[in-house]
Amino acid sequence: MQQRPRRLTSTEQRWSAAVLMLLVMPGVLPEAVVQQPPVVSAAVGEDVLLPCELQLSSESLMTTPVFYWSLWRGTEKVEVRPPNQSDAQTPTNQPLLLRGVSWAHGGSYLCKVSLRTRPKGSYRTNGKKTTLLLYDQLLFERCMLDHTRICCQGNVTQDAAFSLSILHDGQTVPADADAAADAAADAAAATAQAQPFTLSRTAPLQGAGRYECRLLLGEGLMTESLLILNETEAGGGGANTTSSRPFVGVAPEPWLLYGMVLLVPVTVLLVLGMVQMSRRLKEPPEEVC
């Protein structure tokens, strides 16, 4: 006796329809994903690597993907041709290497990938941009117009996430509120990311000790500069004895000691020469036949 085929339940019917749709319509399959970090920071003059990785889920590559880069400064778009190759490159991981970055490299970099996969076919997918933030060395010294205060400044990419912090012996020194507010306002009002602006902060001297000026990006430390004052320099009646060097209170070069050390061998040579000459004078003259 022939058995009647079992009828599918409603749940089984829904799952079967979903599987059939995925097989028949490859366009509904999940696309490949381009991974980019949101922010990369570097000092001016350094080599920078901007990561870009293609991640595939259920698709398989039929050809080698092609990576493209675009640089965005506000509404301005510039196509970037990556001339430099990186050791980290693979068919699905091709970071952009920028050598000796300058302020002109600042902006948002978009990574785009053209690929051909099975079963989806040929298409292009984009990342979500990486913002390159740059900074320069800090200038940290006693203020020129007011020697009872210390001034710190540095050039950075126009971004409100940058901030300066001044510490004395490990403790944060309250800075001028108006200076911090002006810096944030300038960064918010800036439009051309290729041009840096000067971030500055001042704070009152709090006696002798170790002063630090730190450049922060959010909560991360980018760079710092040190200023060390002894008791004489901290209370010197307003005289600036630290100049503009990051480390101060250094003893002067002992040039007198160096001269005395160099005179010792010269003196020894003179004494030996005089002894030799006196010996020759005491010797009787040779008789001539």
Protein backbone atom coordinates (compact mmCIF):
# COMPACT_ATOMS: atom_id res chain seq x y z
CA MET A 1 0.00 0.00 0.00
CA GLN A 2 1.49 3.34 -1.08
CA GLN A 3 1.93 5.91 1.72
CA ARG A 4 0.77 9.45 1.21
CA PRO A 5 3.63 12.06 1.36
CA ARG A 6 3.82 14.03 4.60
CA ARG A 7 2.65 17.60 4.32
CA LEU A 8 5.04 20.31 5.54
CA THR A 9 4.07 22.31 8.55
CA SER A 10 3.68 26.09 8.30
CA THR A 11 7.07 26.66 9.98
CA GLU A 12 8.82 24.28 7.61
CA GLN A 13 7.15 25.97 4.66
CA ARG A 14 8.42 29.38 5.72
CA TRP A 15 11.99 28.12 6.15
CA SER A 16 11.89 26.38 2.76
CA ALA A 17 10.70 29.57 1.08
CA ALA A 18 13.49 31.58 2.71
CA VAL A 19 16.17 29.11 1.60
CA LEU A 20 14.78 29.04 -1.94
CA MET A 21 14.80 32.85 -2.08
CA LEU A 22 18.46 33.00 -1.03
CA LEU A 23 19.41 30.47 -3.68
CA VAL A 24 17.43 32.07 -6.48
CA MET A 25 18.11 35.74 -5.61
CA PRO A 26 21.85 36.19 -4.86
CA GLY A 27 21.31 39.93 -4.50
CA VAL A 28 19.79 39.45 -1.05
CA LEU A 29 22.90 37.73 0.30
CA PRO A 30 24.88 39.77 2.86
CA GLU A 31 27.49 41.96 1.15
CA ALA A 32 31.17 42.02 1.92
CA VAL A 33 32.19 44.54 4.58
CA VAL A 34 35.06 47.05 4.35
CA GLN A 35 36.58 47.69 7.79
CA GLN A 36 38.27 51.04 8.54
CA PRO A 37 39.18 52.58 11.91
CA PRO A 38 37.34 55.87 12.54
CA VAL A 39 40.48 57.83 13.57
CA VAL A 40 44.25 57.54 13.02
CA SER A 41 46.62 60.07 14.62
CA ALA A 42 50.29 60.77 13.88
CA ALA A 43 53.01 63.39 14.31
CA VAL A 44 53.97 65.53 11.32
CA GLY A 45 56.86 63.90 9.43
CA GLU A 46 56.04 60.32 10.44
CA ASP A 47 55.01 57.45 8.16
CA VAL A 48 51.33 56.56 8.58
CA LEU A 49 49.44 53.37 7.76
CA LEU A 50 45.69 53.67 7.16
CA PRO A 51 44.14 50.19 7.54
CA CYS A 52 41.53 48.87 5.12
CA GLU A 53 40.37 45.25 5.24
CA LEU A 54 37.76 43.44 3.16
CA GLN A 55 35.80 40.89 5.20
CA LEU A 56 33.76 38.20 3.45
CA SER A 57 31.04 36.12 5.06
CA SER A 58 29.49 33.51 2.74
CA GLU A 59 30.90 34.80 -0.53
CA SER A 60 34.01 33.52 -2.30
CA LEU A 61 36.25 35.71 -4.43
CA MET A 62 36.45 34.98 -8.16
CA THR A 63 39.07 37.66 -8.90
CA THR A 64 41.51 39.75 -6.88
CA PRO A 65 39.68 42.78 -5.42
CA VAL A 66 40.78 46.28 -6.38
CA PHE A 67 41.17 48.93 -3.63
CA TYR A 68 40.57 52.65 -4.21
CA TRP A 69 41.03 55.63 -1.89
CA SER A 70 39.42 59.08 -1.76
CA LEU A 71 40.45 62.01 0.45
CA TRP A 72 37.65 64.25 1.71
CA ARG A 73 38.17 67.77 3.13
CA GLY A 74 34.68 69.02 3.89
CA THR A 75 32.86 68.78 0.55
CA GLU A 76 36.09 68.61 -1.49
CA LYS A 77 36.97 65.17 -2.83
CA VAL A 78 40.41 64.12 -4.07
CA GLU A 79 41.16 60.72 -5.58
CA VAL A 80 44.26 59.14 -4.02
CA ARG A 81 46.53 56.86 -6.02
CA PRO A 82 48.47 54.76 -3.51
CA PRO A 83 52.07 54.71 -4.86
CA ASN A 84 53.58 53.13 -1.73
CA GLN A 85 53.22 49.47 -0.93
CA SER A 86 53.03 48.03 2.58
CA ASP A 87 54.36 44.72 3.91
CA ALA A 88 50.95 44.17 5.52
CA GLN A 89 49.17 43.92 2.16
CA THR A 90 47.18 40.82 1.21
CA PRO A 91 44.43 40.37 -1.42
CA THR A 92 41.80 41.37 1.19
CA ASN A 93 43.91 43.68 3.38
CA GLN A 94 45.51 46.65 1.60
CA PRO A 95 46.28 49.61 3.91
CA LEU A 96 47.29 52.98 2.50
CA LEU A 97 50.88 53.95 3.35
CA LEU A 98 51.63 57.68 3.60
CA ARG A 99 55.29 58.57 4.01
CA GLY A 100 56.42 61.72 5.81
CA VAL A 101 52.96 63.14 6.35
CA SER A 102 52.42 66.91 6.28
CA TRP A 103 49.45 69.11 7.11
CA ALA A 104 48.22 68.65 3.53
CA HIS A 105 47.54 64.96 4.29
CA GLY A 106 44.93 65.79 6.92
CA GLY A 107 41.31 64.85 6.18
CA SER A 108 38.99 61.84 5.94
CA TYR A 109 40.05 58.86 3.83
CA LEU A 110 37.41 56.60 2.27
CA CYS A 111 38.42 53.08 1.22
CA LYS A 112 36.45 51.56 -1.69
CA VAL A 113 36.72 48.01 -3.02
CA SER A 114 35.64 46.62 -6.38
CA LEU A 115 35.22 42.84 -6.30
CA ARG A 116 33.65 39.88 -8.04
CA THR A 117 32.32 37.05 -5.92
CA ARG A 118 30.31 33.88 -6.19
CA PRO A 119 27.32 33.93 -6.20
CA LYS A 120 26.76 37.69 -6.10
CA GLY A 121 28.84 38.76 -9.08
CA SER A 122 30.60 42.10 -9.59
CA TYR A 123 29.93 45.12 -7.37
CA ARG A 124 31.63 47.84 -5.30
CA THR A 125 31.44 48.38 -1.54
CA ASN A 126 32.77 51.22 0.63
CA GLY A 127 34.12 51.65 4.14
CA LYS A 128 33.08 54.37 6.61
CA LYS A 129 36.07 56.75 6.33
CA THR A 130 39.16 57.19 8.49
CA THR A 131 39.99 60.68 9.78
CA LEU A 132 43.73 61.41 9.86
CA LEU A 133 44.57 63.80 12.72
CA LEU A 134 48.05 65.34 12.88
CA TYR A 135 50.02 67.20 15.54
CA ASP A 136 53.42 68.86 15.90
CA GLN A 137 55.91 69.32 18.76
CA LEU A 138 54.86 71.31 21.81
CA LEU A 139 56.48 74.57 22.93
CA PHE A 140 56.43 74.70 26.74
CA GLU A 141 58.08 77.57 28.67
CA ARG A 142 57.47 80.48 31.03
CA CYS A 143 55.25 83.10 29.41
CA MET A 144 57.17 85.94 27.78
CA LEU A 145 54.84 88.71 29.05
CA ASP A 146 54.12 87.23 32.48
CA HIS A 147 56.91 85.22 34.12
CA THR A 148 54.61 84.08 36.91
CA ARG A 149 52.78 81.84 34.42
CA ILE A 150 53.74 79.01 32.09
CA CYS A 151 52.57 78.75 28.49
CA CYS A 152 52.14 75.66 26.32
CA GLN A 153 51.20 75.63 22.66
CA GLY A 154 51.34 73.35 19.65
CA ASN A 155 49.97 73.00 16.13
CA VAL A 156 47.28 70.36 15.56
CA THR A 157 44.70 69.38 12.98
CA GLN A 158 41.54 71.41 13.38
CA ASP A 159 39.55 69.04 15.56
CA ALA A 160 37.83 69.79 18.85
CA ALA A 161 38.93 66.41 20.26
CA PHE A 162 42.46 67.76 20.81
CA SER A 163 43.18 69.38 24.18
CA LEU A 164 46.14 70.48 26.32
CA SER A 165 46.66 69.61 29.98
CA ILE A 166 49.29 71.09 32.33
CA LEU A 167 50.49 69.14 35.39
CA HIS A 168 52.73 70.06 38.34
CA ASP A 169 54.41 67.10 40.06
CA GLY A 170 51.72 64.79 38.67
CA GLN A 171 48.73 66.96 39.66
CA THR A 172 46.62 68.78 37.07
CA VAL A 173 46.98 72.56 37.22
CA PRO A 174 43.75 74.53 36.57
CA ALA A 175 44.18 76.44 33.31
CA ASP A 176 42.51 79.57 32.02
CA ALA A 177 38.92 78.69 31.15
CA ASP A 178 38.73 81.34 28.44
CA ALA A 179 41.80 79.94 26.62
CA ALA A 180 40.33 76.44 26.54
CA ALA A 181 36.98 77.78 25.35
CA ASP A 182 38.59 79.86 22.60
CA ALA A 183 40.54 76.84 21.35
CA ALA A 184 37.37 74.73 21.18
CA ALA A 185 35.53 77.53 19.37
CA ASP A 186 38.34 77.93 16.84
CA ALA A 187 38.37 74.19 16.15
CA ALA A 188 34.59 74.09 15.73
CA ALA A 189 34.61 77.07 13.37
CA ALA A 190 37.46 75.76 11.19
CA THR A 191 36.52 74.40 7.79
CA ALA A 192 39.78 73.66 5.93
CA GLN A 193 41.23 70.53 7.53
CA ALA A 194 44.45 70.83 5.53
CA GLN A 195 45.48 73.88 7.60
CA PRO A 196 46.57 73.48 11.24
CA PHE A 197 45.69 75.80 14.07
CA THR A 198 47.60 76.61 17.24
CA LEU A 199 46.24 75.12 20.44
CA SER A 200 47.45 77.01 23.54
CA ARG A 201 47.03 76.92 27.29
CA THR A 202 48.47 78.87 30.23
CA ALA A 203 48.54 78.20 33.96
CA PRO A 204 50.03 79.93 37.04
CA LEU A 205 53.34 78.76 38.44
CA GLN A 206 52.96 76.74 41.63
CA GLY A 207 56.53 76.76 42.90
CA ALA A 208 59.48 74.58 42.03
CA GLY A 209 59.10 71.09 40.62
CA ARG A 210 58.34 69.14 37.47
CA TYR A 211 55.83 70.64 35.05
CA GLU A 212 54.33 68.68 32.17
CA CYS A 213 52.30 69.80 29.18
CA ARG A 214 50.35 66.98 27.56
CA LEU A 215 48.59 66.93 24.22
CA LEU A 216 45.51 64.70 24.45
CA LEU A 217 43.22 63.31 21.78
CA GLY A 218 40.13 62.50 23.77
CA GLU A 219 41.62 60.53 26.68
CA GLY A 220 44.69 59.33 24.75
CA LEU A 221 48.15 60.87 25.22
CA MET A 222 49.71 61.99 21.90
CA THR A 223 52.88 63.79 23.08
CA GLU A 224 54.21 65.77 26.04
CA SER A 225 56.86 68.35 26.96
CA LEU A 226 58.66 68.82 30.29
CA LEU A 227 59.71 71.92 32.22
CA ILE A 228 61.76 71.56 35.42
CA LEU A 229 62.19 74.54 37.77
CA ASN A 230 64.31 74.74 40.92
CA GLU A 231 63.62 77.06 43.86
CA THR A 232 65.67 79.94 42.43
CA GLU A 233 63.99 79.81 39.03
CA ALA A 234 60.48 79.40 40.47
CA GLY A 235 60.81 82.52 42.65
CA GLY A 236 63.31 84.59 40.72
CA GLY A 237 61.39 87.86 40.87
CA GLY A 238 59.99 87.42 37.39
CA ALA A 239 63.32 86.83 35.62
CA ASN A 240 62.97 84.12 32.99
CA THR A 241 66.01 81.87 33.41
CA THR A 242 64.57 78.86 31.62
CA SER A 243 64.79 80.15 28.01
CA SER A 244 62.81 78.01 25.56
CA ARG A 245 64.33 74.59 26.13
CA PRO A 246 62.03 71.81 27.36
CA PHE A 247 64.44 71.00 30.20
CA VAL A 248 65.69 73.82 32.41
CA GLY A 249 67.87 74.26 35.51
CA VAL A 250 70.83 72.61 33.80
CA ALA A 251 74.30 73.59 35.13
CA PRO A 252 76.50 75.57 32.69
CA GLU A 253 79.36 73.86 30.91
CA PRO A 254 82.56 73.81 33.10
CA TRP A 255 84.78 75.49 30.51
CA LEU A 256 87.37 76.53 33.16
CA LEU A 257 87.78 72.92 34.24
CA TYR A 258 88.12 71.82 30.61
CA GLY A 259 90.91 74.43 30.12
CA MET A 260 92.80 73.29 33.21
CA VAL A 261 92.63 69.68 32.08
CA LEU A 262 94.03 70.62 28.66
CA LEU A 263 96.87 72.66 30.27
CA VAL A 264 98.24 69.64 32.16
CA PRO A 265 99.78 67.80 29.18
CA VAL A 266 101.02 71.12 27.73
CA THR A 267 102.78 71.92 31.01
CA VAL A 268 104.37 68.46 31.16
CA LEU A 269 105.68 68.82 27.61
CA LEU A 270 107.22 72.23 28.41
CA VAL A 271 108.99 70.86 31.51
CA LEU A 272 110.38 67.90 29.58
CA GLY A 273 111.61 70.24 26.84
CA MET A 274 113.39 72.48 29.34
CA VAL A 275 115.11 69.52 31.02
CA GLN A 276 116.28 68.22 27.65
CA MET A 277 117.70 71.62 26.71
CA SER A 278 119.53 71.98 30.03
CA ARG A 279 121.17 68.59 29.55
CA ARG A 280 122.43 69.56 26.13
CA LEU A 281 123.91 72.80 27.49
CA LYS A 282 125.84 70.94 30.20
CA GLU A 283 127.43 68.48 27.74
CA PRO A 284 131.04 69.47 26.72
CA PRO A 285 131.45 70.50 23.12
CA GLU A 286 132.84 67.91 20.72
CA GLU A 287 136.53 68.39 19.82
CA VAL A 288 137.27 68.99 16.16
CA CYS A 289 140.32 67.14 14.84
